[in-house]
Full PDB file with SEQRES, HELIX, SHEET, SSBOND, CRYST1, ORIGX, SCALE, CONECT and MASTER records, all heavy atoms in Angstrom:
SEQRES   1 A   37  ARG ILE ARG PHE TRP GLN VAL GLY SER LEU LEU GLY ARG          
SEQRES   2 A   37  ASP LEU GLU ILE PHE TRP GLN VAL ALA PRO PHE LEU VAL          
SEQRES   3 A   37  ALA GLY ILE VAL LEU ALA LEU CYS LEU GLY PRO                  
HELIX    1 AA1 ARG A    3  GLN A    6  1                                   4    
HELIX    2 AA2 LEU A   15  CYS A   34  1                                  20    
CRYST1    1.000    1.000    1.000  90.00  90.00  90.00 P 1           1          
ORIGX1      1.000000  0.000000  0.000000        0.00000                         
ORIGX2      0.000000  1.000000  0.000000        0.00000                         
ORIGX3      0.000000  0.000000  1.000000        0.00000                         
SCALE1      1.000000  0.000000  0.000000        0.00000                         
SCALE2      0.000000  1.000000  0.000000        0.00000                         
SCALE3      0.000000  0.000000  1.000000        0.00000                         
ATOM      1  N   ARG A   1     -17.613  -2.737  -8.805  1.00  0.00           N  
ATOM      2  CA  ARG A   1     -16.209  -2.345  -8.872  1.00  0.00           C  
ATOM      3  C   ARG A   1     -15.481  -2.576  -7.553  1.00  0.00           C  
ATOM      4  O   ARG A   1     -14.302  -2.931  -7.561  1.00  0.00           O  
ATOM      5  CB  ARG A   1     -16.099  -0.883  -9.290  1.00  0.00           C  
ATOM      6  CG  ARG A   1     -14.669  -0.339  -9.259  1.00  0.00           C  
ATOM      7  CD  ARG A   1     -14.526   0.949 -10.030  1.00  0.00           C  
ATOM      8  NE  ARG A   1     -14.541   0.699 -11.479  1.00  0.00           N  
ATOM      9  CZ  ARG A   1     -14.158   1.600 -12.378  1.00  0.00           C  
ATOM     10  NH1 ARG A   1     -13.746   2.787 -12.000  1.00  0.00           N  
ATOM     11  NH2 ARG A   1     -14.200   1.306 -13.664  1.00  0.00           N  
ATOM     12  N   ILE A   2     -16.149  -2.397  -6.432  1.00  0.00           N  
ATOM     13  CA  ILE A   2     -15.408  -2.424  -5.163  1.00  0.00           C  
ATOM     14  C   ILE A   2     -15.887  -3.499  -4.202  1.00  0.00           C  
ATOM     15  O   ILE A   2     -15.475  -3.510  -3.042  1.00  0.00           O  
ATOM     16  CB  ILE A   2     -15.482  -1.058  -4.452  1.00  0.00           C  
ATOM     17  CG1 ILE A   2     -16.908  -0.807  -3.944  1.00  0.00           C  
ATOM     18  CG2 ILE A   2     -15.018   0.068  -5.344  1.00  0.00           C  
ATOM     19  CD1 ILE A   2     -16.979   0.318  -2.966  1.00  0.00           C  
ATOM     20  N   ARG A   3     -16.740  -4.433  -4.636  1.00  0.00           N  
ATOM     21  CA  ARG A   3     -17.289  -5.390  -3.668  1.00  0.00           C  
ATOM     22  C   ARG A   3     -16.214  -6.244  -3.028  1.00  0.00           C  
ATOM     23  O   ARG A   3     -16.292  -6.566  -1.834  1.00  0.00           O  
ATOM     24  CB  ARG A   3     -18.350  -6.259  -4.328  1.00  0.00           C  
ATOM     25  CG  ARG A   3     -17.896  -7.016  -5.553  1.00  0.00           C  
ATOM     26  CD  ARG A   3     -19.021  -7.841  -6.147  1.00  0.00           C  
ATOM     27  NE  ARG A   3     -18.625  -8.481  -7.391  1.00  0.00           N  
ATOM     28  CZ  ARG A   3     -19.362  -9.380  -8.005  1.00  0.00           C  
ATOM     29  NH1 ARG A   3     -20.525  -9.739  -7.496  1.00  0.00           N  
ATOM     30  NH2 ARG A   3     -18.950  -9.922  -9.129  1.00  0.00           N  
ATOM     31  N   PHE A   4     -15.183  -6.666  -3.793  1.00  0.00           N  
ATOM     32  CA  PHE A   4     -14.104  -7.448  -3.190  1.00  0.00           C  
ATOM     33  C   PHE A   4     -13.108  -6.544  -2.482  1.00  0.00           C  
ATOM     34  O   PHE A   4     -12.551  -6.907  -1.445  1.00  0.00           O  
ATOM     35  CB  PHE A   4     -13.396  -8.281  -4.263  1.00  0.00           C  
ATOM     36  CG  PHE A   4     -14.261  -9.366  -4.838  1.00  0.00           C  
ATOM     37  CD1 PHE A   4     -14.679  -9.323  -6.156  1.00  0.00           C  
ATOM     38  CD2 PHE A   4     -14.662 -10.427  -4.060  1.00  0.00           C  
ATOM     39  CE1 PHE A   4     -15.473 -10.316  -6.688  1.00  0.00           C  
ATOM     40  CE2 PHE A   4     -15.468 -11.430  -4.575  1.00  0.00           C  
ATOM     41  CZ  PHE A   4     -15.875 -11.371  -5.893  1.00  0.00           C  
ATOM     42  N   TRP A   5     -12.885  -5.370  -3.039  1.00  0.00           N  
ATOM     43  CA  TRP A   5     -11.963  -4.424  -2.402  1.00  0.00           C  
ATOM     44  C   TRP A   5     -12.472  -4.019  -1.029  1.00  0.00           C  
ATOM     45  O   TRP A   5     -11.684  -3.859  -0.095  1.00  0.00           O  
ATOM     46  CB  TRP A   5     -11.825  -3.203  -3.313  1.00  0.00           C  
ATOM     47  CG  TRP A   5     -10.981  -2.109  -2.762  1.00  0.00           C  
ATOM     48  CD1 TRP A   5      -9.632  -1.946  -2.906  1.00  0.00           C  
ATOM     49  CD2 TRP A   5     -11.425  -1.013  -1.956  1.00  0.00           C  
ATOM     50  NE1 TRP A   5      -9.221  -0.829  -2.246  1.00  0.00           N  
ATOM     51  CE2 TRP A   5     -10.305  -0.234  -1.655  1.00  0.00           C  
ATOM     52  CE3 TRP A   5     -12.675  -0.624  -1.472  1.00  0.00           C  
ATOM     53  CZ2 TRP A   5     -10.378   0.925  -0.894  1.00  0.00           C  
ATOM     54  CZ3 TRP A   5     -12.752   0.521  -0.702  1.00  0.00           C  
ATOM     55  CH2 TRP A   5     -11.613   1.292  -0.420  1.00  0.00           C  
ATOM     56  N   GLN A   6     -13.792  -3.869  -0.874  1.00  0.00           N  
ATOM     57  CA  GLN A   6     -14.371  -3.348   0.351  1.00  0.00           C  
ATOM     58  C   GLN A   6     -14.094  -4.237   1.560  1.00  0.00           C  
ATOM     59  O   GLN A   6     -13.955  -3.740   2.678  1.00  0.00           O  
ATOM     60  CB  GLN A   6     -15.880  -3.153   0.165  1.00  0.00           C  
ATOM     61  CG  GLN A   6     -16.639  -2.782   1.421  1.00  0.00           C  
ATOM     62  CD  GLN A   6     -16.203  -1.468   2.019  1.00  0.00           C  
ATOM     63  OE1 GLN A   6     -15.611  -0.642   1.329  1.00  0.00           O  
ATOM     64  NE2 GLN A   6     -16.451  -1.290   3.302  1.00  0.00           N  
ATOM     65  N   VAL A   7     -14.020  -5.555   1.388  1.00  0.00           N  
ATOM     66  CA  VAL A   7     -13.781  -6.437   2.532  1.00  0.00           C  
ATOM     67  C   VAL A   7     -12.294  -6.615   2.818  1.00  0.00           C  
ATOM     68  O   VAL A   7     -11.930  -7.279   3.786  1.00  0.00           O  
ATOM     69  CB  VAL A   7     -14.416  -7.823   2.309  1.00  0.00           C  
ATOM     70  CG1 VAL A   7     -15.921  -7.698   2.194  1.00  0.00           C  
ATOM     71  CG2 VAL A   7     -13.849  -8.513   1.081  1.00  0.00           C  
ATOM     72  N   GLY A   8     -11.438  -6.005   2.014  1.00  0.00           N  
ATOM     73  CA  GLY A   8     -10.000  -6.163   2.192  1.00  0.00           C  
ATOM     74  C   GLY A   8      -9.500  -7.382   1.457  1.00  0.00           C  
ATOM     75  O   GLY A   8      -9.704  -8.509   1.901  1.00  0.00           O  
ATOM     76  N   SER A   9      -8.891  -7.168   0.309  1.00  0.00           N  
ATOM     77  CA  SER A   9      -8.518  -8.297  -0.539  1.00  0.00           C  
ATOM     78  C   SER A   9      -7.235  -7.996  -1.294  1.00  0.00           C  
ATOM     79  O   SER A   9      -6.982  -6.850  -1.674  1.00  0.00           O  
ATOM     80  CB  SER A   9      -9.643  -8.606  -1.535  1.00  0.00           C  
ATOM     81  OG  SER A   9      -9.249  -9.620  -2.431  1.00  0.00           O  
ATOM     82  N   LEU A  10      -6.444  -9.047  -1.527  1.00  0.00           N  
ATOM     83  CA  LEU A  10      -5.268  -8.961  -2.395  1.00  0.00           C  
ATOM     84  C   LEU A  10      -5.520  -9.644  -3.725  1.00  0.00           C  
ATOM     85  O   LEU A  10      -4.648  -9.640  -4.597  1.00  0.00           O  
ATOM     86  CB  LEU A  10      -4.059  -9.618  -1.711  1.00  0.00           C  
ATOM     87  CG  LEU A  10      -3.645  -9.022  -0.364  1.00  0.00           C  
ATOM     88  CD1 LEU A  10      -2.462  -9.799   0.219  1.00  0.00           C  
ATOM     89  CD2 LEU A  10      -3.286  -7.551  -0.494  1.00  0.00           C  
ATOM     90  N   LEU A  11      -6.712 -10.214  -3.896  1.00  0.00           N  
ATOM     91  CA  LEU A  11      -7.032 -10.935  -5.120  1.00  0.00           C  
ATOM     92  C   LEU A  11      -7.108  -9.967  -6.299  1.00  0.00           C  
ATOM     93  O   LEU A  11      -7.755  -8.923  -6.231  1.00  0.00           O  
ATOM     94  CB  LEU A  11      -8.371 -11.661  -4.969  1.00  0.00           C  
ATOM     95  CG  LEU A  11      -8.871 -12.455  -6.177  1.00  0.00           C  
ATOM     96  CD1 LEU A  11      -7.917 -13.587  -6.502  1.00  0.00           C  
ATOM     97  CD2 LEU A  11     -10.273 -12.980  -5.917  1.00  0.00           C  
ATOM     98  N   GLY A  12      -6.433 -10.340  -7.390  1.00  0.00           N  
ATOM     99  CA  GLY A  12      -6.485  -9.535  -8.601  1.00  0.00           C  
ATOM    100  C   GLY A  12      -5.608  -8.310  -8.592  1.00  0.00           C  
ATOM    101  O   GLY A  12      -5.616  -7.537  -9.554  1.00  0.00           O  
ATOM    102  N   ARG A  13      -4.847  -8.082  -7.539  1.00  0.00           N  
ATOM    103  CA  ARG A  13      -3.950  -6.920  -7.503  1.00  0.00           C  
ATOM    104  C   ARG A  13      -2.718  -7.217  -8.342  1.00  0.00           C  
ATOM    105  O   ARG A  13      -2.135  -8.305  -8.254  1.00  0.00           O  
ATOM    106  CB  ARG A  13      -3.538  -6.593  -6.071  1.00  0.00           C  
ATOM    107  CG  ARG A  13      -4.695  -6.347  -5.108  1.00  0.00           C  
ATOM    108  CD  ARG A  13      -5.640  -5.274  -5.616  1.00  0.00           C  
ATOM    109  NE  ARG A  13      -6.547  -4.800  -4.582  1.00  0.00           N  
ATOM    110  CZ  ARG A  13      -7.767  -5.269  -4.358  1.00  0.00           C  
ATOM    111  NH1 ARG A  13      -8.218  -6.256  -5.095  1.00  0.00           N  
ATOM    112  NH2 ARG A  13      -8.531  -4.769  -3.424  1.00  0.00           N  
ATOM    113  N   ASP A  14      -2.301  -6.269  -9.148  1.00  0.00           N  
ATOM    114  CA  ASP A  14      -1.125  -6.475  -9.986  1.00  0.00           C  
ATOM    115  C   ASP A  14      -0.042  -5.475  -9.605  1.00  0.00           C  
ATOM    116  O   ASP A  14      -0.247  -4.582  -8.769  1.00  0.00           O  
ATOM    117  CB  ASP A  14      -1.477  -6.362 -11.478  1.00  0.00           C  
ATOM    118  CG  ASP A  14      -2.161  -5.041 -11.814  1.00  0.00           C  
ATOM    119  OD1 ASP A  14      -1.923  -4.054 -11.109  1.00  0.00           O  
ATOM    120  OD2 ASP A  14      -2.939  -5.013 -12.779  1.00  0.00           O  
ATOM    121  N   LEU A  15       1.122  -5.630 -10.241  1.00  0.00           N  
ATOM    122  CA  LEU A  15       2.248  -4.766  -9.897  1.00  0.00           C  
ATOM    123  C   LEU A  15       2.016  -3.321 -10.305  1.00  0.00           C  
ATOM    124  O   LEU A  15       2.647  -2.410  -9.756  1.00  0.00           O  
ATOM    125  CB  LEU A  15       3.527  -5.291 -10.559  1.00  0.00           C  
ATOM    126  CG  LEU A  15       4.132  -6.546  -9.929  1.00  0.00           C  
ATOM    127  CD1 LEU A  15       5.393  -6.967 -10.673  1.00  0.00           C  
ATOM    128  CD2 LEU A  15       4.462  -6.304  -8.450  1.00  0.00           C  
ATOM    129  N   GLU A  16       1.110  -3.077 -11.244  1.00  0.00           N  
ATOM    130  CA  GLU A  16       0.805  -1.690 -11.599  1.00  0.00           C  
ATOM    131  C   GLU A  16       0.229  -0.943 -10.403  1.00  0.00           C  
ATOM    132  O   GLU A  16       0.600   0.215 -10.132  1.00  0.00           O  
ATOM    133  CB  GLU A  16      -0.187  -1.658 -12.763  1.00  0.00           C  
ATOM    134  CG  GLU A  16      -0.544  -0.243 -13.203  1.00  0.00           C  
ATOM    135  CD  GLU A  16      -1.555  -0.228 -14.335  1.00  0.00           C  
ATOM    136  OE1 GLU A  16      -1.925  -1.323 -14.812  1.00  0.00           O  
ATOM    137  OE2 GLU A  16      -1.978   0.870 -14.721  1.00  0.00           O  
ATOM    138  N   ILE A  17      -0.680  -1.603  -9.669  1.00  0.00           N  
ATOM    139  CA  ILE A  17      -1.232  -0.988  -8.464  1.00  0.00           C  
ATOM    140  C   ILE A  17      -0.139  -0.766  -7.433  1.00  0.00           C  
ATOM    141  O   ILE A  17      -0.083   0.280  -6.780  1.00  0.00           O  
ATOM    142  CB  ILE A  17      -2.353  -1.872  -7.892  1.00  0.00           C  
ATOM    143  CG1 ILE A  17      -3.548  -1.906  -8.851  1.00  0.00           C  
ATOM    144  CG2 ILE A  17      -2.792  -1.377  -6.517  1.00  0.00           C  
ATOM    145  CD1 ILE A  17      -4.679  -2.795  -8.391  1.00  0.00           C  
ATOM    146  N   PHE A  18       0.755  -1.758  -7.302  1.00  0.00           N  
ATOM    147  CA  PHE A  18       1.825  -1.612  -6.318  1.00  0.00           C  
ATOM    148  C   PHE A  18       2.711  -0.416  -6.641  1.00  0.00           C  
ATOM    149  O   PHE A  18       3.041   0.379  -5.754  1.00  0.00           O  
ATOM    150  CB  PHE A  18       2.670  -2.884  -6.260  1.00  0.00           C  
ATOM    151  CG  PHE A  18       3.917  -2.717  -5.438  1.00  0.00           C  
ATOM    152  CD1 PHE A  18       3.846  -2.633  -4.060  1.00  0.00           C  
ATOM    153  CD2 PHE A  18       5.159  -2.627  -6.048  1.00  0.00           C  
ATOM    154  CE1 PHE A  18       4.993  -2.465  -3.299  1.00  0.00           C  
ATOM    155  CE2 PHE A  18       6.312  -2.467  -5.291  1.00  0.00           C  
ATOM    156  CZ  PHE A  18       6.223  -2.381  -3.919  1.00  0.00           C  
ATOM    157  N   TRP A  19       3.106  -0.274  -7.894  1.00  0.00           N  
ATOM    158  CA  TRP A  19       3.989   0.840  -8.247  1.00  0.00           C  
ATOM    159  C   TRP A  19       3.299   2.182  -8.058  1.00  0.00           C  
ATOM    160  O   TRP A  19       3.954   3.196  -7.817  1.00  0.00           O  
ATOM    161  CB  TRP A  19       4.486   0.697  -9.684  1.00  0.00           C  
ATOM    162  CG  TRP A  19       5.430  -0.448  -9.874  1.00  0.00           C  
ATOM    163  CD1 TRP A  19       5.274  -1.509 -10.715  1.00  0.00           C  
ATOM    164  CD2 TRP A  19       6.671  -0.684  -9.184  1.00  0.00           C  
ATOM    165  NE1 TRP A  19       6.332  -2.388 -10.595  1.00  0.00           N  
ATOM    166  CE2 TRP A  19       7.199  -1.904  -9.667  1.00  0.00           C  
ATOM    167  CE3 TRP A  19       7.376   0.012  -8.212  1.00  0.00           C  
ATOM    168  CZ2 TRP A  19       8.406  -2.423  -9.213  1.00  0.00           C  
ATOM    169  CZ3 TRP A  19       8.574  -0.503  -7.749  1.00  0.00           C  
ATOM    170  CH2 TRP A  19       9.079  -1.708  -8.247  1.00  0.00           C  
ATOM    171  N   GLN A  20       1.990   2.209  -8.157  1.00  0.00           N  
ATOM    172  CA  GLN A  20       1.263   3.458  -7.939  1.00  0.00           C  
ATOM    173  C   GLN A  20       1.320   3.905  -6.478  1.00  0.00           C  
ATOM    174  O   GLN A  20       1.415   5.107  -6.192  1.00  0.00           O  
ATOM    175  CB  GLN A  20      -0.194   3.283  -8.375  1.00  0.00           C  
ATOM    176  CG  GLN A  20      -0.376   3.142  -9.877  1.00  0.00           C  
ATOM    177  CD  GLN A  20      -1.745   2.623 -10.244  1.00  0.00           C  
ATOM    178  OE1 GLN A  20      -2.589   2.411  -9.376  1.00  0.00           O  
ATOM    179  NE2 GLN A  20      -1.984   2.414 -11.527  1.00  0.00           N  
ATOM    180  N   VAL A  21       1.249   2.948  -5.563  1.00  0.00           N  
ATOM    181  CA  VAL A  21       1.232   3.306  -4.140  1.00  0.00           C  
ATOM    182  C   VAL A  21       2.594   3.136  -3.483  1.00  0.00           C  
ATOM    183  O   VAL A  21       2.771   3.577  -2.337  1.00  0.00           O  
ATOM    184  CB  VAL A  21       0.184   2.469  -3.382  1.00  0.00           C  
ATOM    185  CG1 VAL A  21      -1.201   2.686  -3.953  1.00  0.00           C  
ATOM    186  CG2 VAL A  21       0.534   0.979  -3.407  1.00  0.00           C  
ATOM    187  N   ALA A  22       3.554   2.516  -4.169  1.00  0.00           N  
ATOM    188  CA  ALA A  22       4.856   2.222  -3.560  1.00  0.00           C  
ATOM    189  C   ALA A  22       5.559   3.463  -3.019  1.00  0.00           C  
ATOM    190  O   ALA A  22       6.112   3.417  -1.908  1.00  0.00           O  
ATOM    191  CB  ALA A  22       5.748   1.484  -4.562  1.00  0.00           C  
ATOM    192  N   PRO A  23       5.603   4.589  -3.750  1.00  0.00           N  
ATOM    193  CA  PRO A  23       6.300   5.758  -3.181  1.00  0.00           C  
ATOM    194  C   PRO A  23       5.720   6.206  -1.851  1.00  0.00           C  
ATOM    195  O   PRO A  23       6.461   6.593  -0.943  1.00  0.00           O  
ATOM    196  CB  PRO A  23       6.108   6.837  -4.270  1.00  0.00           C  
ATOM    197  CG  PRO A  23       5.876   6.081  -5.527  1.00  0.00           C  
ATOM    198  CD  PRO A  23       5.121   4.858  -5.120  1.00  0.00           C  
ATOM    199  N   PHE A  24       4.399   6.132  -1.710  1.00  0.00           N  
ATOM    200  CA  PHE A  24       3.763   6.550  -0.466  1.00  0.00           C  
ATOM    201  C   PHE A  24       4.010   5.531   0.644  1.00  0.00           C  
ATOM    202  O   PHE A  24       4.243   5.911   1.801  1.00  0.00           O  
ATOM    203  CB  PHE A  24       2.266   6.742  -0.705  1.00  0.00           C  
ATOM    204  CG  PHE A  24       1.946   7.662  -1.837  1.00  0.00           C  
ATOM    205  CD1 PHE A  24       1.544   7.161  -3.064  1.00  0.00           C  
ATOM    206  CD2 PHE A  24       2.065   9.036  -1.692  1.00  0.00           C  
ATOM    207  CE1 PHE A  24       1.253   8.005  -4.115  1.00  0.00           C  
ATOM    208  CE2 PHE A  24       1.779   9.894  -2.741  1.00  0.00           C  
ATOM    209  CZ  PHE A  24       1.374   9.374  -3.960  1.00  0.00           C  
ATOM    210  N   LEU A  25       3.952   4.248   0.293  1.00  0.00           N  
ATOM    211  CA  LEU A  25       4.237   3.212   1.290  1.00  0.00           C  
ATOM    212  C   LEU A  25       5.668   3.312   1.794  1.00  0.00           C  
ATOM    213  O   LEU A  25       5.913   3.281   3.006  1.00  0.00           O  
ATOM    214  CB  LEU A  25       3.992   1.825   0.689  1.00  0.00           C  
ATOM    215  CG  LEU A  25       2.535   1.385   0.494  1.00  0.00           C  
ATOM    216  CD1 LEU A  25       2.484   0.084  -0.290  1.00  0.00           C  
ATOM    217  CD2 LEU A  25       1.846   1.222   1.837  1.00  0.00           C  
ATOM    218  N   VAL A  26       6.618   3.444   0.880  1.00  0.00           N  
ATOM    219  CA  VAL A  26       8.027   3.509   1.270  1.00  0.00           C  
ATOM    220  C   VAL A  26       8.289   4.762   2.096  1.00  0.00           C  
ATOM    221  O   VAL A  26       8.979   4.716   3.130  1.00  0.00           O  
ATOM    222  CB  VAL A  26       8.931   3.466   0.028  1.00  0.00           C  
ATOM    223  CG1 VAL A  26      10.383   3.720   0.408  1.00  0.00           C  
ATOM    224  CG2 VAL A  26       8.800   2.112  -0.677  1.00  0.00           C  
ATOM    225  N   ALA A  27       7.739   5.901   1.659  1.00  0.00           N  
ATOM    226  CA  ALA A  27       7.941   7.142   2.416  1.00  0.00           C  
ATOM    227  C   ALA A  27       7.364   7.022   3.821  1.00  0.00           C  
ATOM    228  O   ALA A  27       7.987   7.447   4.804  1.00  0.00           O  
ATOM    229  CB  ALA A  27       7.299   8.315   1.671  1.00  0.00           C  
ATOM    230  N   GLY A  28       6.161   6.442   3.932  1.00  0.00           N  
ATOM    231  CA  GLY A  28       5.552   6.280   5.240  1.00  0.00           C  
ATOM    232  C   GLY A  28       6.328   5.335   6.135  1.00  0.00           C  
ATOM    233  O   GLY A  28       6.497   5.592   7.337  1.00  0.00           O  
ATOM    234  N   ILE A  29       6.822   4.232   5.573  1.00  0.00           N  
ATOM    235  CA  ILE A  29       7.588   3.263   6.361  1.00  0.00           C  
ATOM    236  C   ILE A  29       8.897   3.875   6.849  1.00  0.00           C  
ATOM    237  O   ILE A  29       9.271   3.749   8.026  1.00  0.00           O  
ATOM    238  CB  ILE A  29       7.851   1.990   5.527  1.00  0.00           C  
ATOM    239  CG1 ILE A  29       6.544   1.219   5.323  1.00  0.00           C  
ATOM    240  CG2 ILE A  29       8.887   1.096   6.208  1.00  0.00           C  
ATOM    241  CD1 ILE A  29       6.658   0.060   4.355  1.00  0.00           C  
ATOM    242  N   VAL A  30       9.617   4.560   5.955  1.00  0.00           N  
ATOM    243  CA  VAL A  30      10.893   5.184   6.343  1.00  0.00           C  
ATOM    244  C   VAL A  30      10.668   6.247   7.413  1.00  0.00           C  
ATOM    245  O   VAL A  30      11.391   6.312   8.421  1.00  0.00           O  
ATOM    246  CB  VAL A  30      11.590   5.773   5.106  1.00  0.00           C  
ATOM    247  CG1 VAL A  30      12.802   6.602   5.526  1.00  0.00           C  
ATOM    248  CG2 VAL A  30      12.014   4.663   4.154  1.00  0.00           C  
ATOM    249  N   LEU A  31       9.662   7.093   7.203  1.00  0.00           N  
ATOM    250  CA  LEU A  31       9.368   8.143   8.191  1.00  0.00           C  
ATOM    251  C   LEU A  31       8.996   7.533   9.530  1.00  0.00           C  
ATOM    252  O   LEU A  31       9.451   7.998  10.585  1.00  0.00           O  
ATOM    253  CB  LEU A  31       8.240   9.029   7.669  1.00  0.00           C  
ATOM    254  CG  LEU A  31       7.766  10.159   8.594  1.00  0.00           C  
ATOM    255  CD1 LEU A  31       8.919  11.086   8.948  1.00  0.00           C  
ATOM    256  CD2 LEU A  31       6.629  10.937   7.937  1.00  0.00           C  
ATOM    257  N   ALA A  32       8.185   6.483   9.518  1.00  0.00           N  
ATOM    258  CA  ALA A  32       7.773   5.845  10.770  1.00  0.00           C  
ATOM    259  C   ALA A  32       8.972   5.281  11.528  1.00  0.00           C  
ATOM    260  O   ALA A  32       9.095   5.470  12.748  1.00  0.00           O  
ATOM    261  CB  ALA A  32       6.758   4.742  10.475  1.00  0.00           C  
ATOM    262  N   LEU A  33       9.846   4.591  10.830  1.00  0.00           N  
ATOM    263  CA  LEU A  33      11.006   3.996  11.502  1.00  0.00           C  
ATOM    264  C   LEU A  33      11.946   5.062  12.056  1.00  0.00           C  
ATOM    265  O   LEU A  33      12.619   4.836  13.063  1.00  0.00           O  
ATOM    266  CB  LEU A  33      11.754   3.087  10.517  1.00  0.00           C  
ATOM    267  CG  LEU A  33      10.983   1.836  10.063  1.00  0.00           C  
ATOM    268  CD1 LEU A  33      11.794   1.057   9.037  1.00  0.00           C  
ATOM    269  CD2 LEU A  33      10.636   0.937  11.247  1.00  0.00           C  
ATOM    270  N   CYS A  34      12.000   6.221  11.404  1.00  0.00           N  
ATOM    271  CA  CYS A  34      12.866   7.306  11.887  1.00  0.00           C  
ATOM    272  C   CYS A  34      12.297   7.991  13.125  1.00  0.00           C  
ATOM    273  O   CYS A  34      13.036   8.700  13.824  1.00  0.00           O  
ATOM    274  CB  CYS A  34      13.084   8.337  10.789  1.00  0.00           C  
ATOM    275  SG  CYS A  34      14.085   7.757   9.398  1.00  0.00           S  
ATOM    276  N   LEU A  35      11.013   7.799  13.400  1.00  0.00           N  
ATOM    277  CA  LEU A  35      10.369   8.479  14.517  1.00  0.00           C  
ATOM    278  C   LEU A  35      10.517   7.749  15.846  1.00  0.00           C  
ATOM    279  O   LEU A  35      10.052   8.251  16.866  1.00  0.00           O  
ATOM    280  CB  LEU A  35       8.878   8.668  14.212  1.00  0.00           C  
ATOM    281  CG  LEU A  35       8.522   9.750  13.187  1.00  0.00           C  
ATOM    282  CD1 LEU A  35       7.062   9.638  12.796  1.00  0.00           C  
ATOM    283  CD2 LEU A  35       8.824  11.125  13.746  1.00  0.00           C  
ATOM    284  N   GLY A  36      11.156   6.577  15.853  1.00  0.00           N  
ATOM    285  CA  GLY A  36      11.264   5.793  17.076  1.00  0.00           C  
ATOM    286  C   GLY A  36      11.823   6.549  18.265  1.00  0.00           C  
ATOM    287  O   GLY A  36      11.183   6.603  19.336  1.00  0.00           O  
ATOM    288  N   PRO A  37      13.021   7.151  18.161  1.00  0.00           N  
ATOM    289  CA  PRO A  37      13.570   7.872  19.313  1.00  0.00           C  
ATOM    290  C   PRO A  37      12.680   9.025  19.777  1.00  0.00           C  
ATOM    291  O   PRO A  37      12.543   9.270  20.977  1.00  0.00           O  
ATOM    292  CB  PRO A  37      14.927   8.384  18.794  1.00  0.00           C  
ATOM    293  CG  PRO A  37      15.270   7.468  17.667  1.00  0.00           C  
ATOM    294  CD  PRO A  37      13.975   7.097  17.039  1.00  0.00           C  
TER     295      PRO A  37                                                      
MASTER        0    0    0    2    0    0    0    6  294    1    0    3          
END                                                                             
């Protein structure tokens, strides 16, 4: 299940996976950019 995932891979990733993690990615990116000052 994880042999390709373990080495770091984008192969076989679909938009369903992206939508699952997108809220966390966007929240983290926005928070990070706001922390600059």
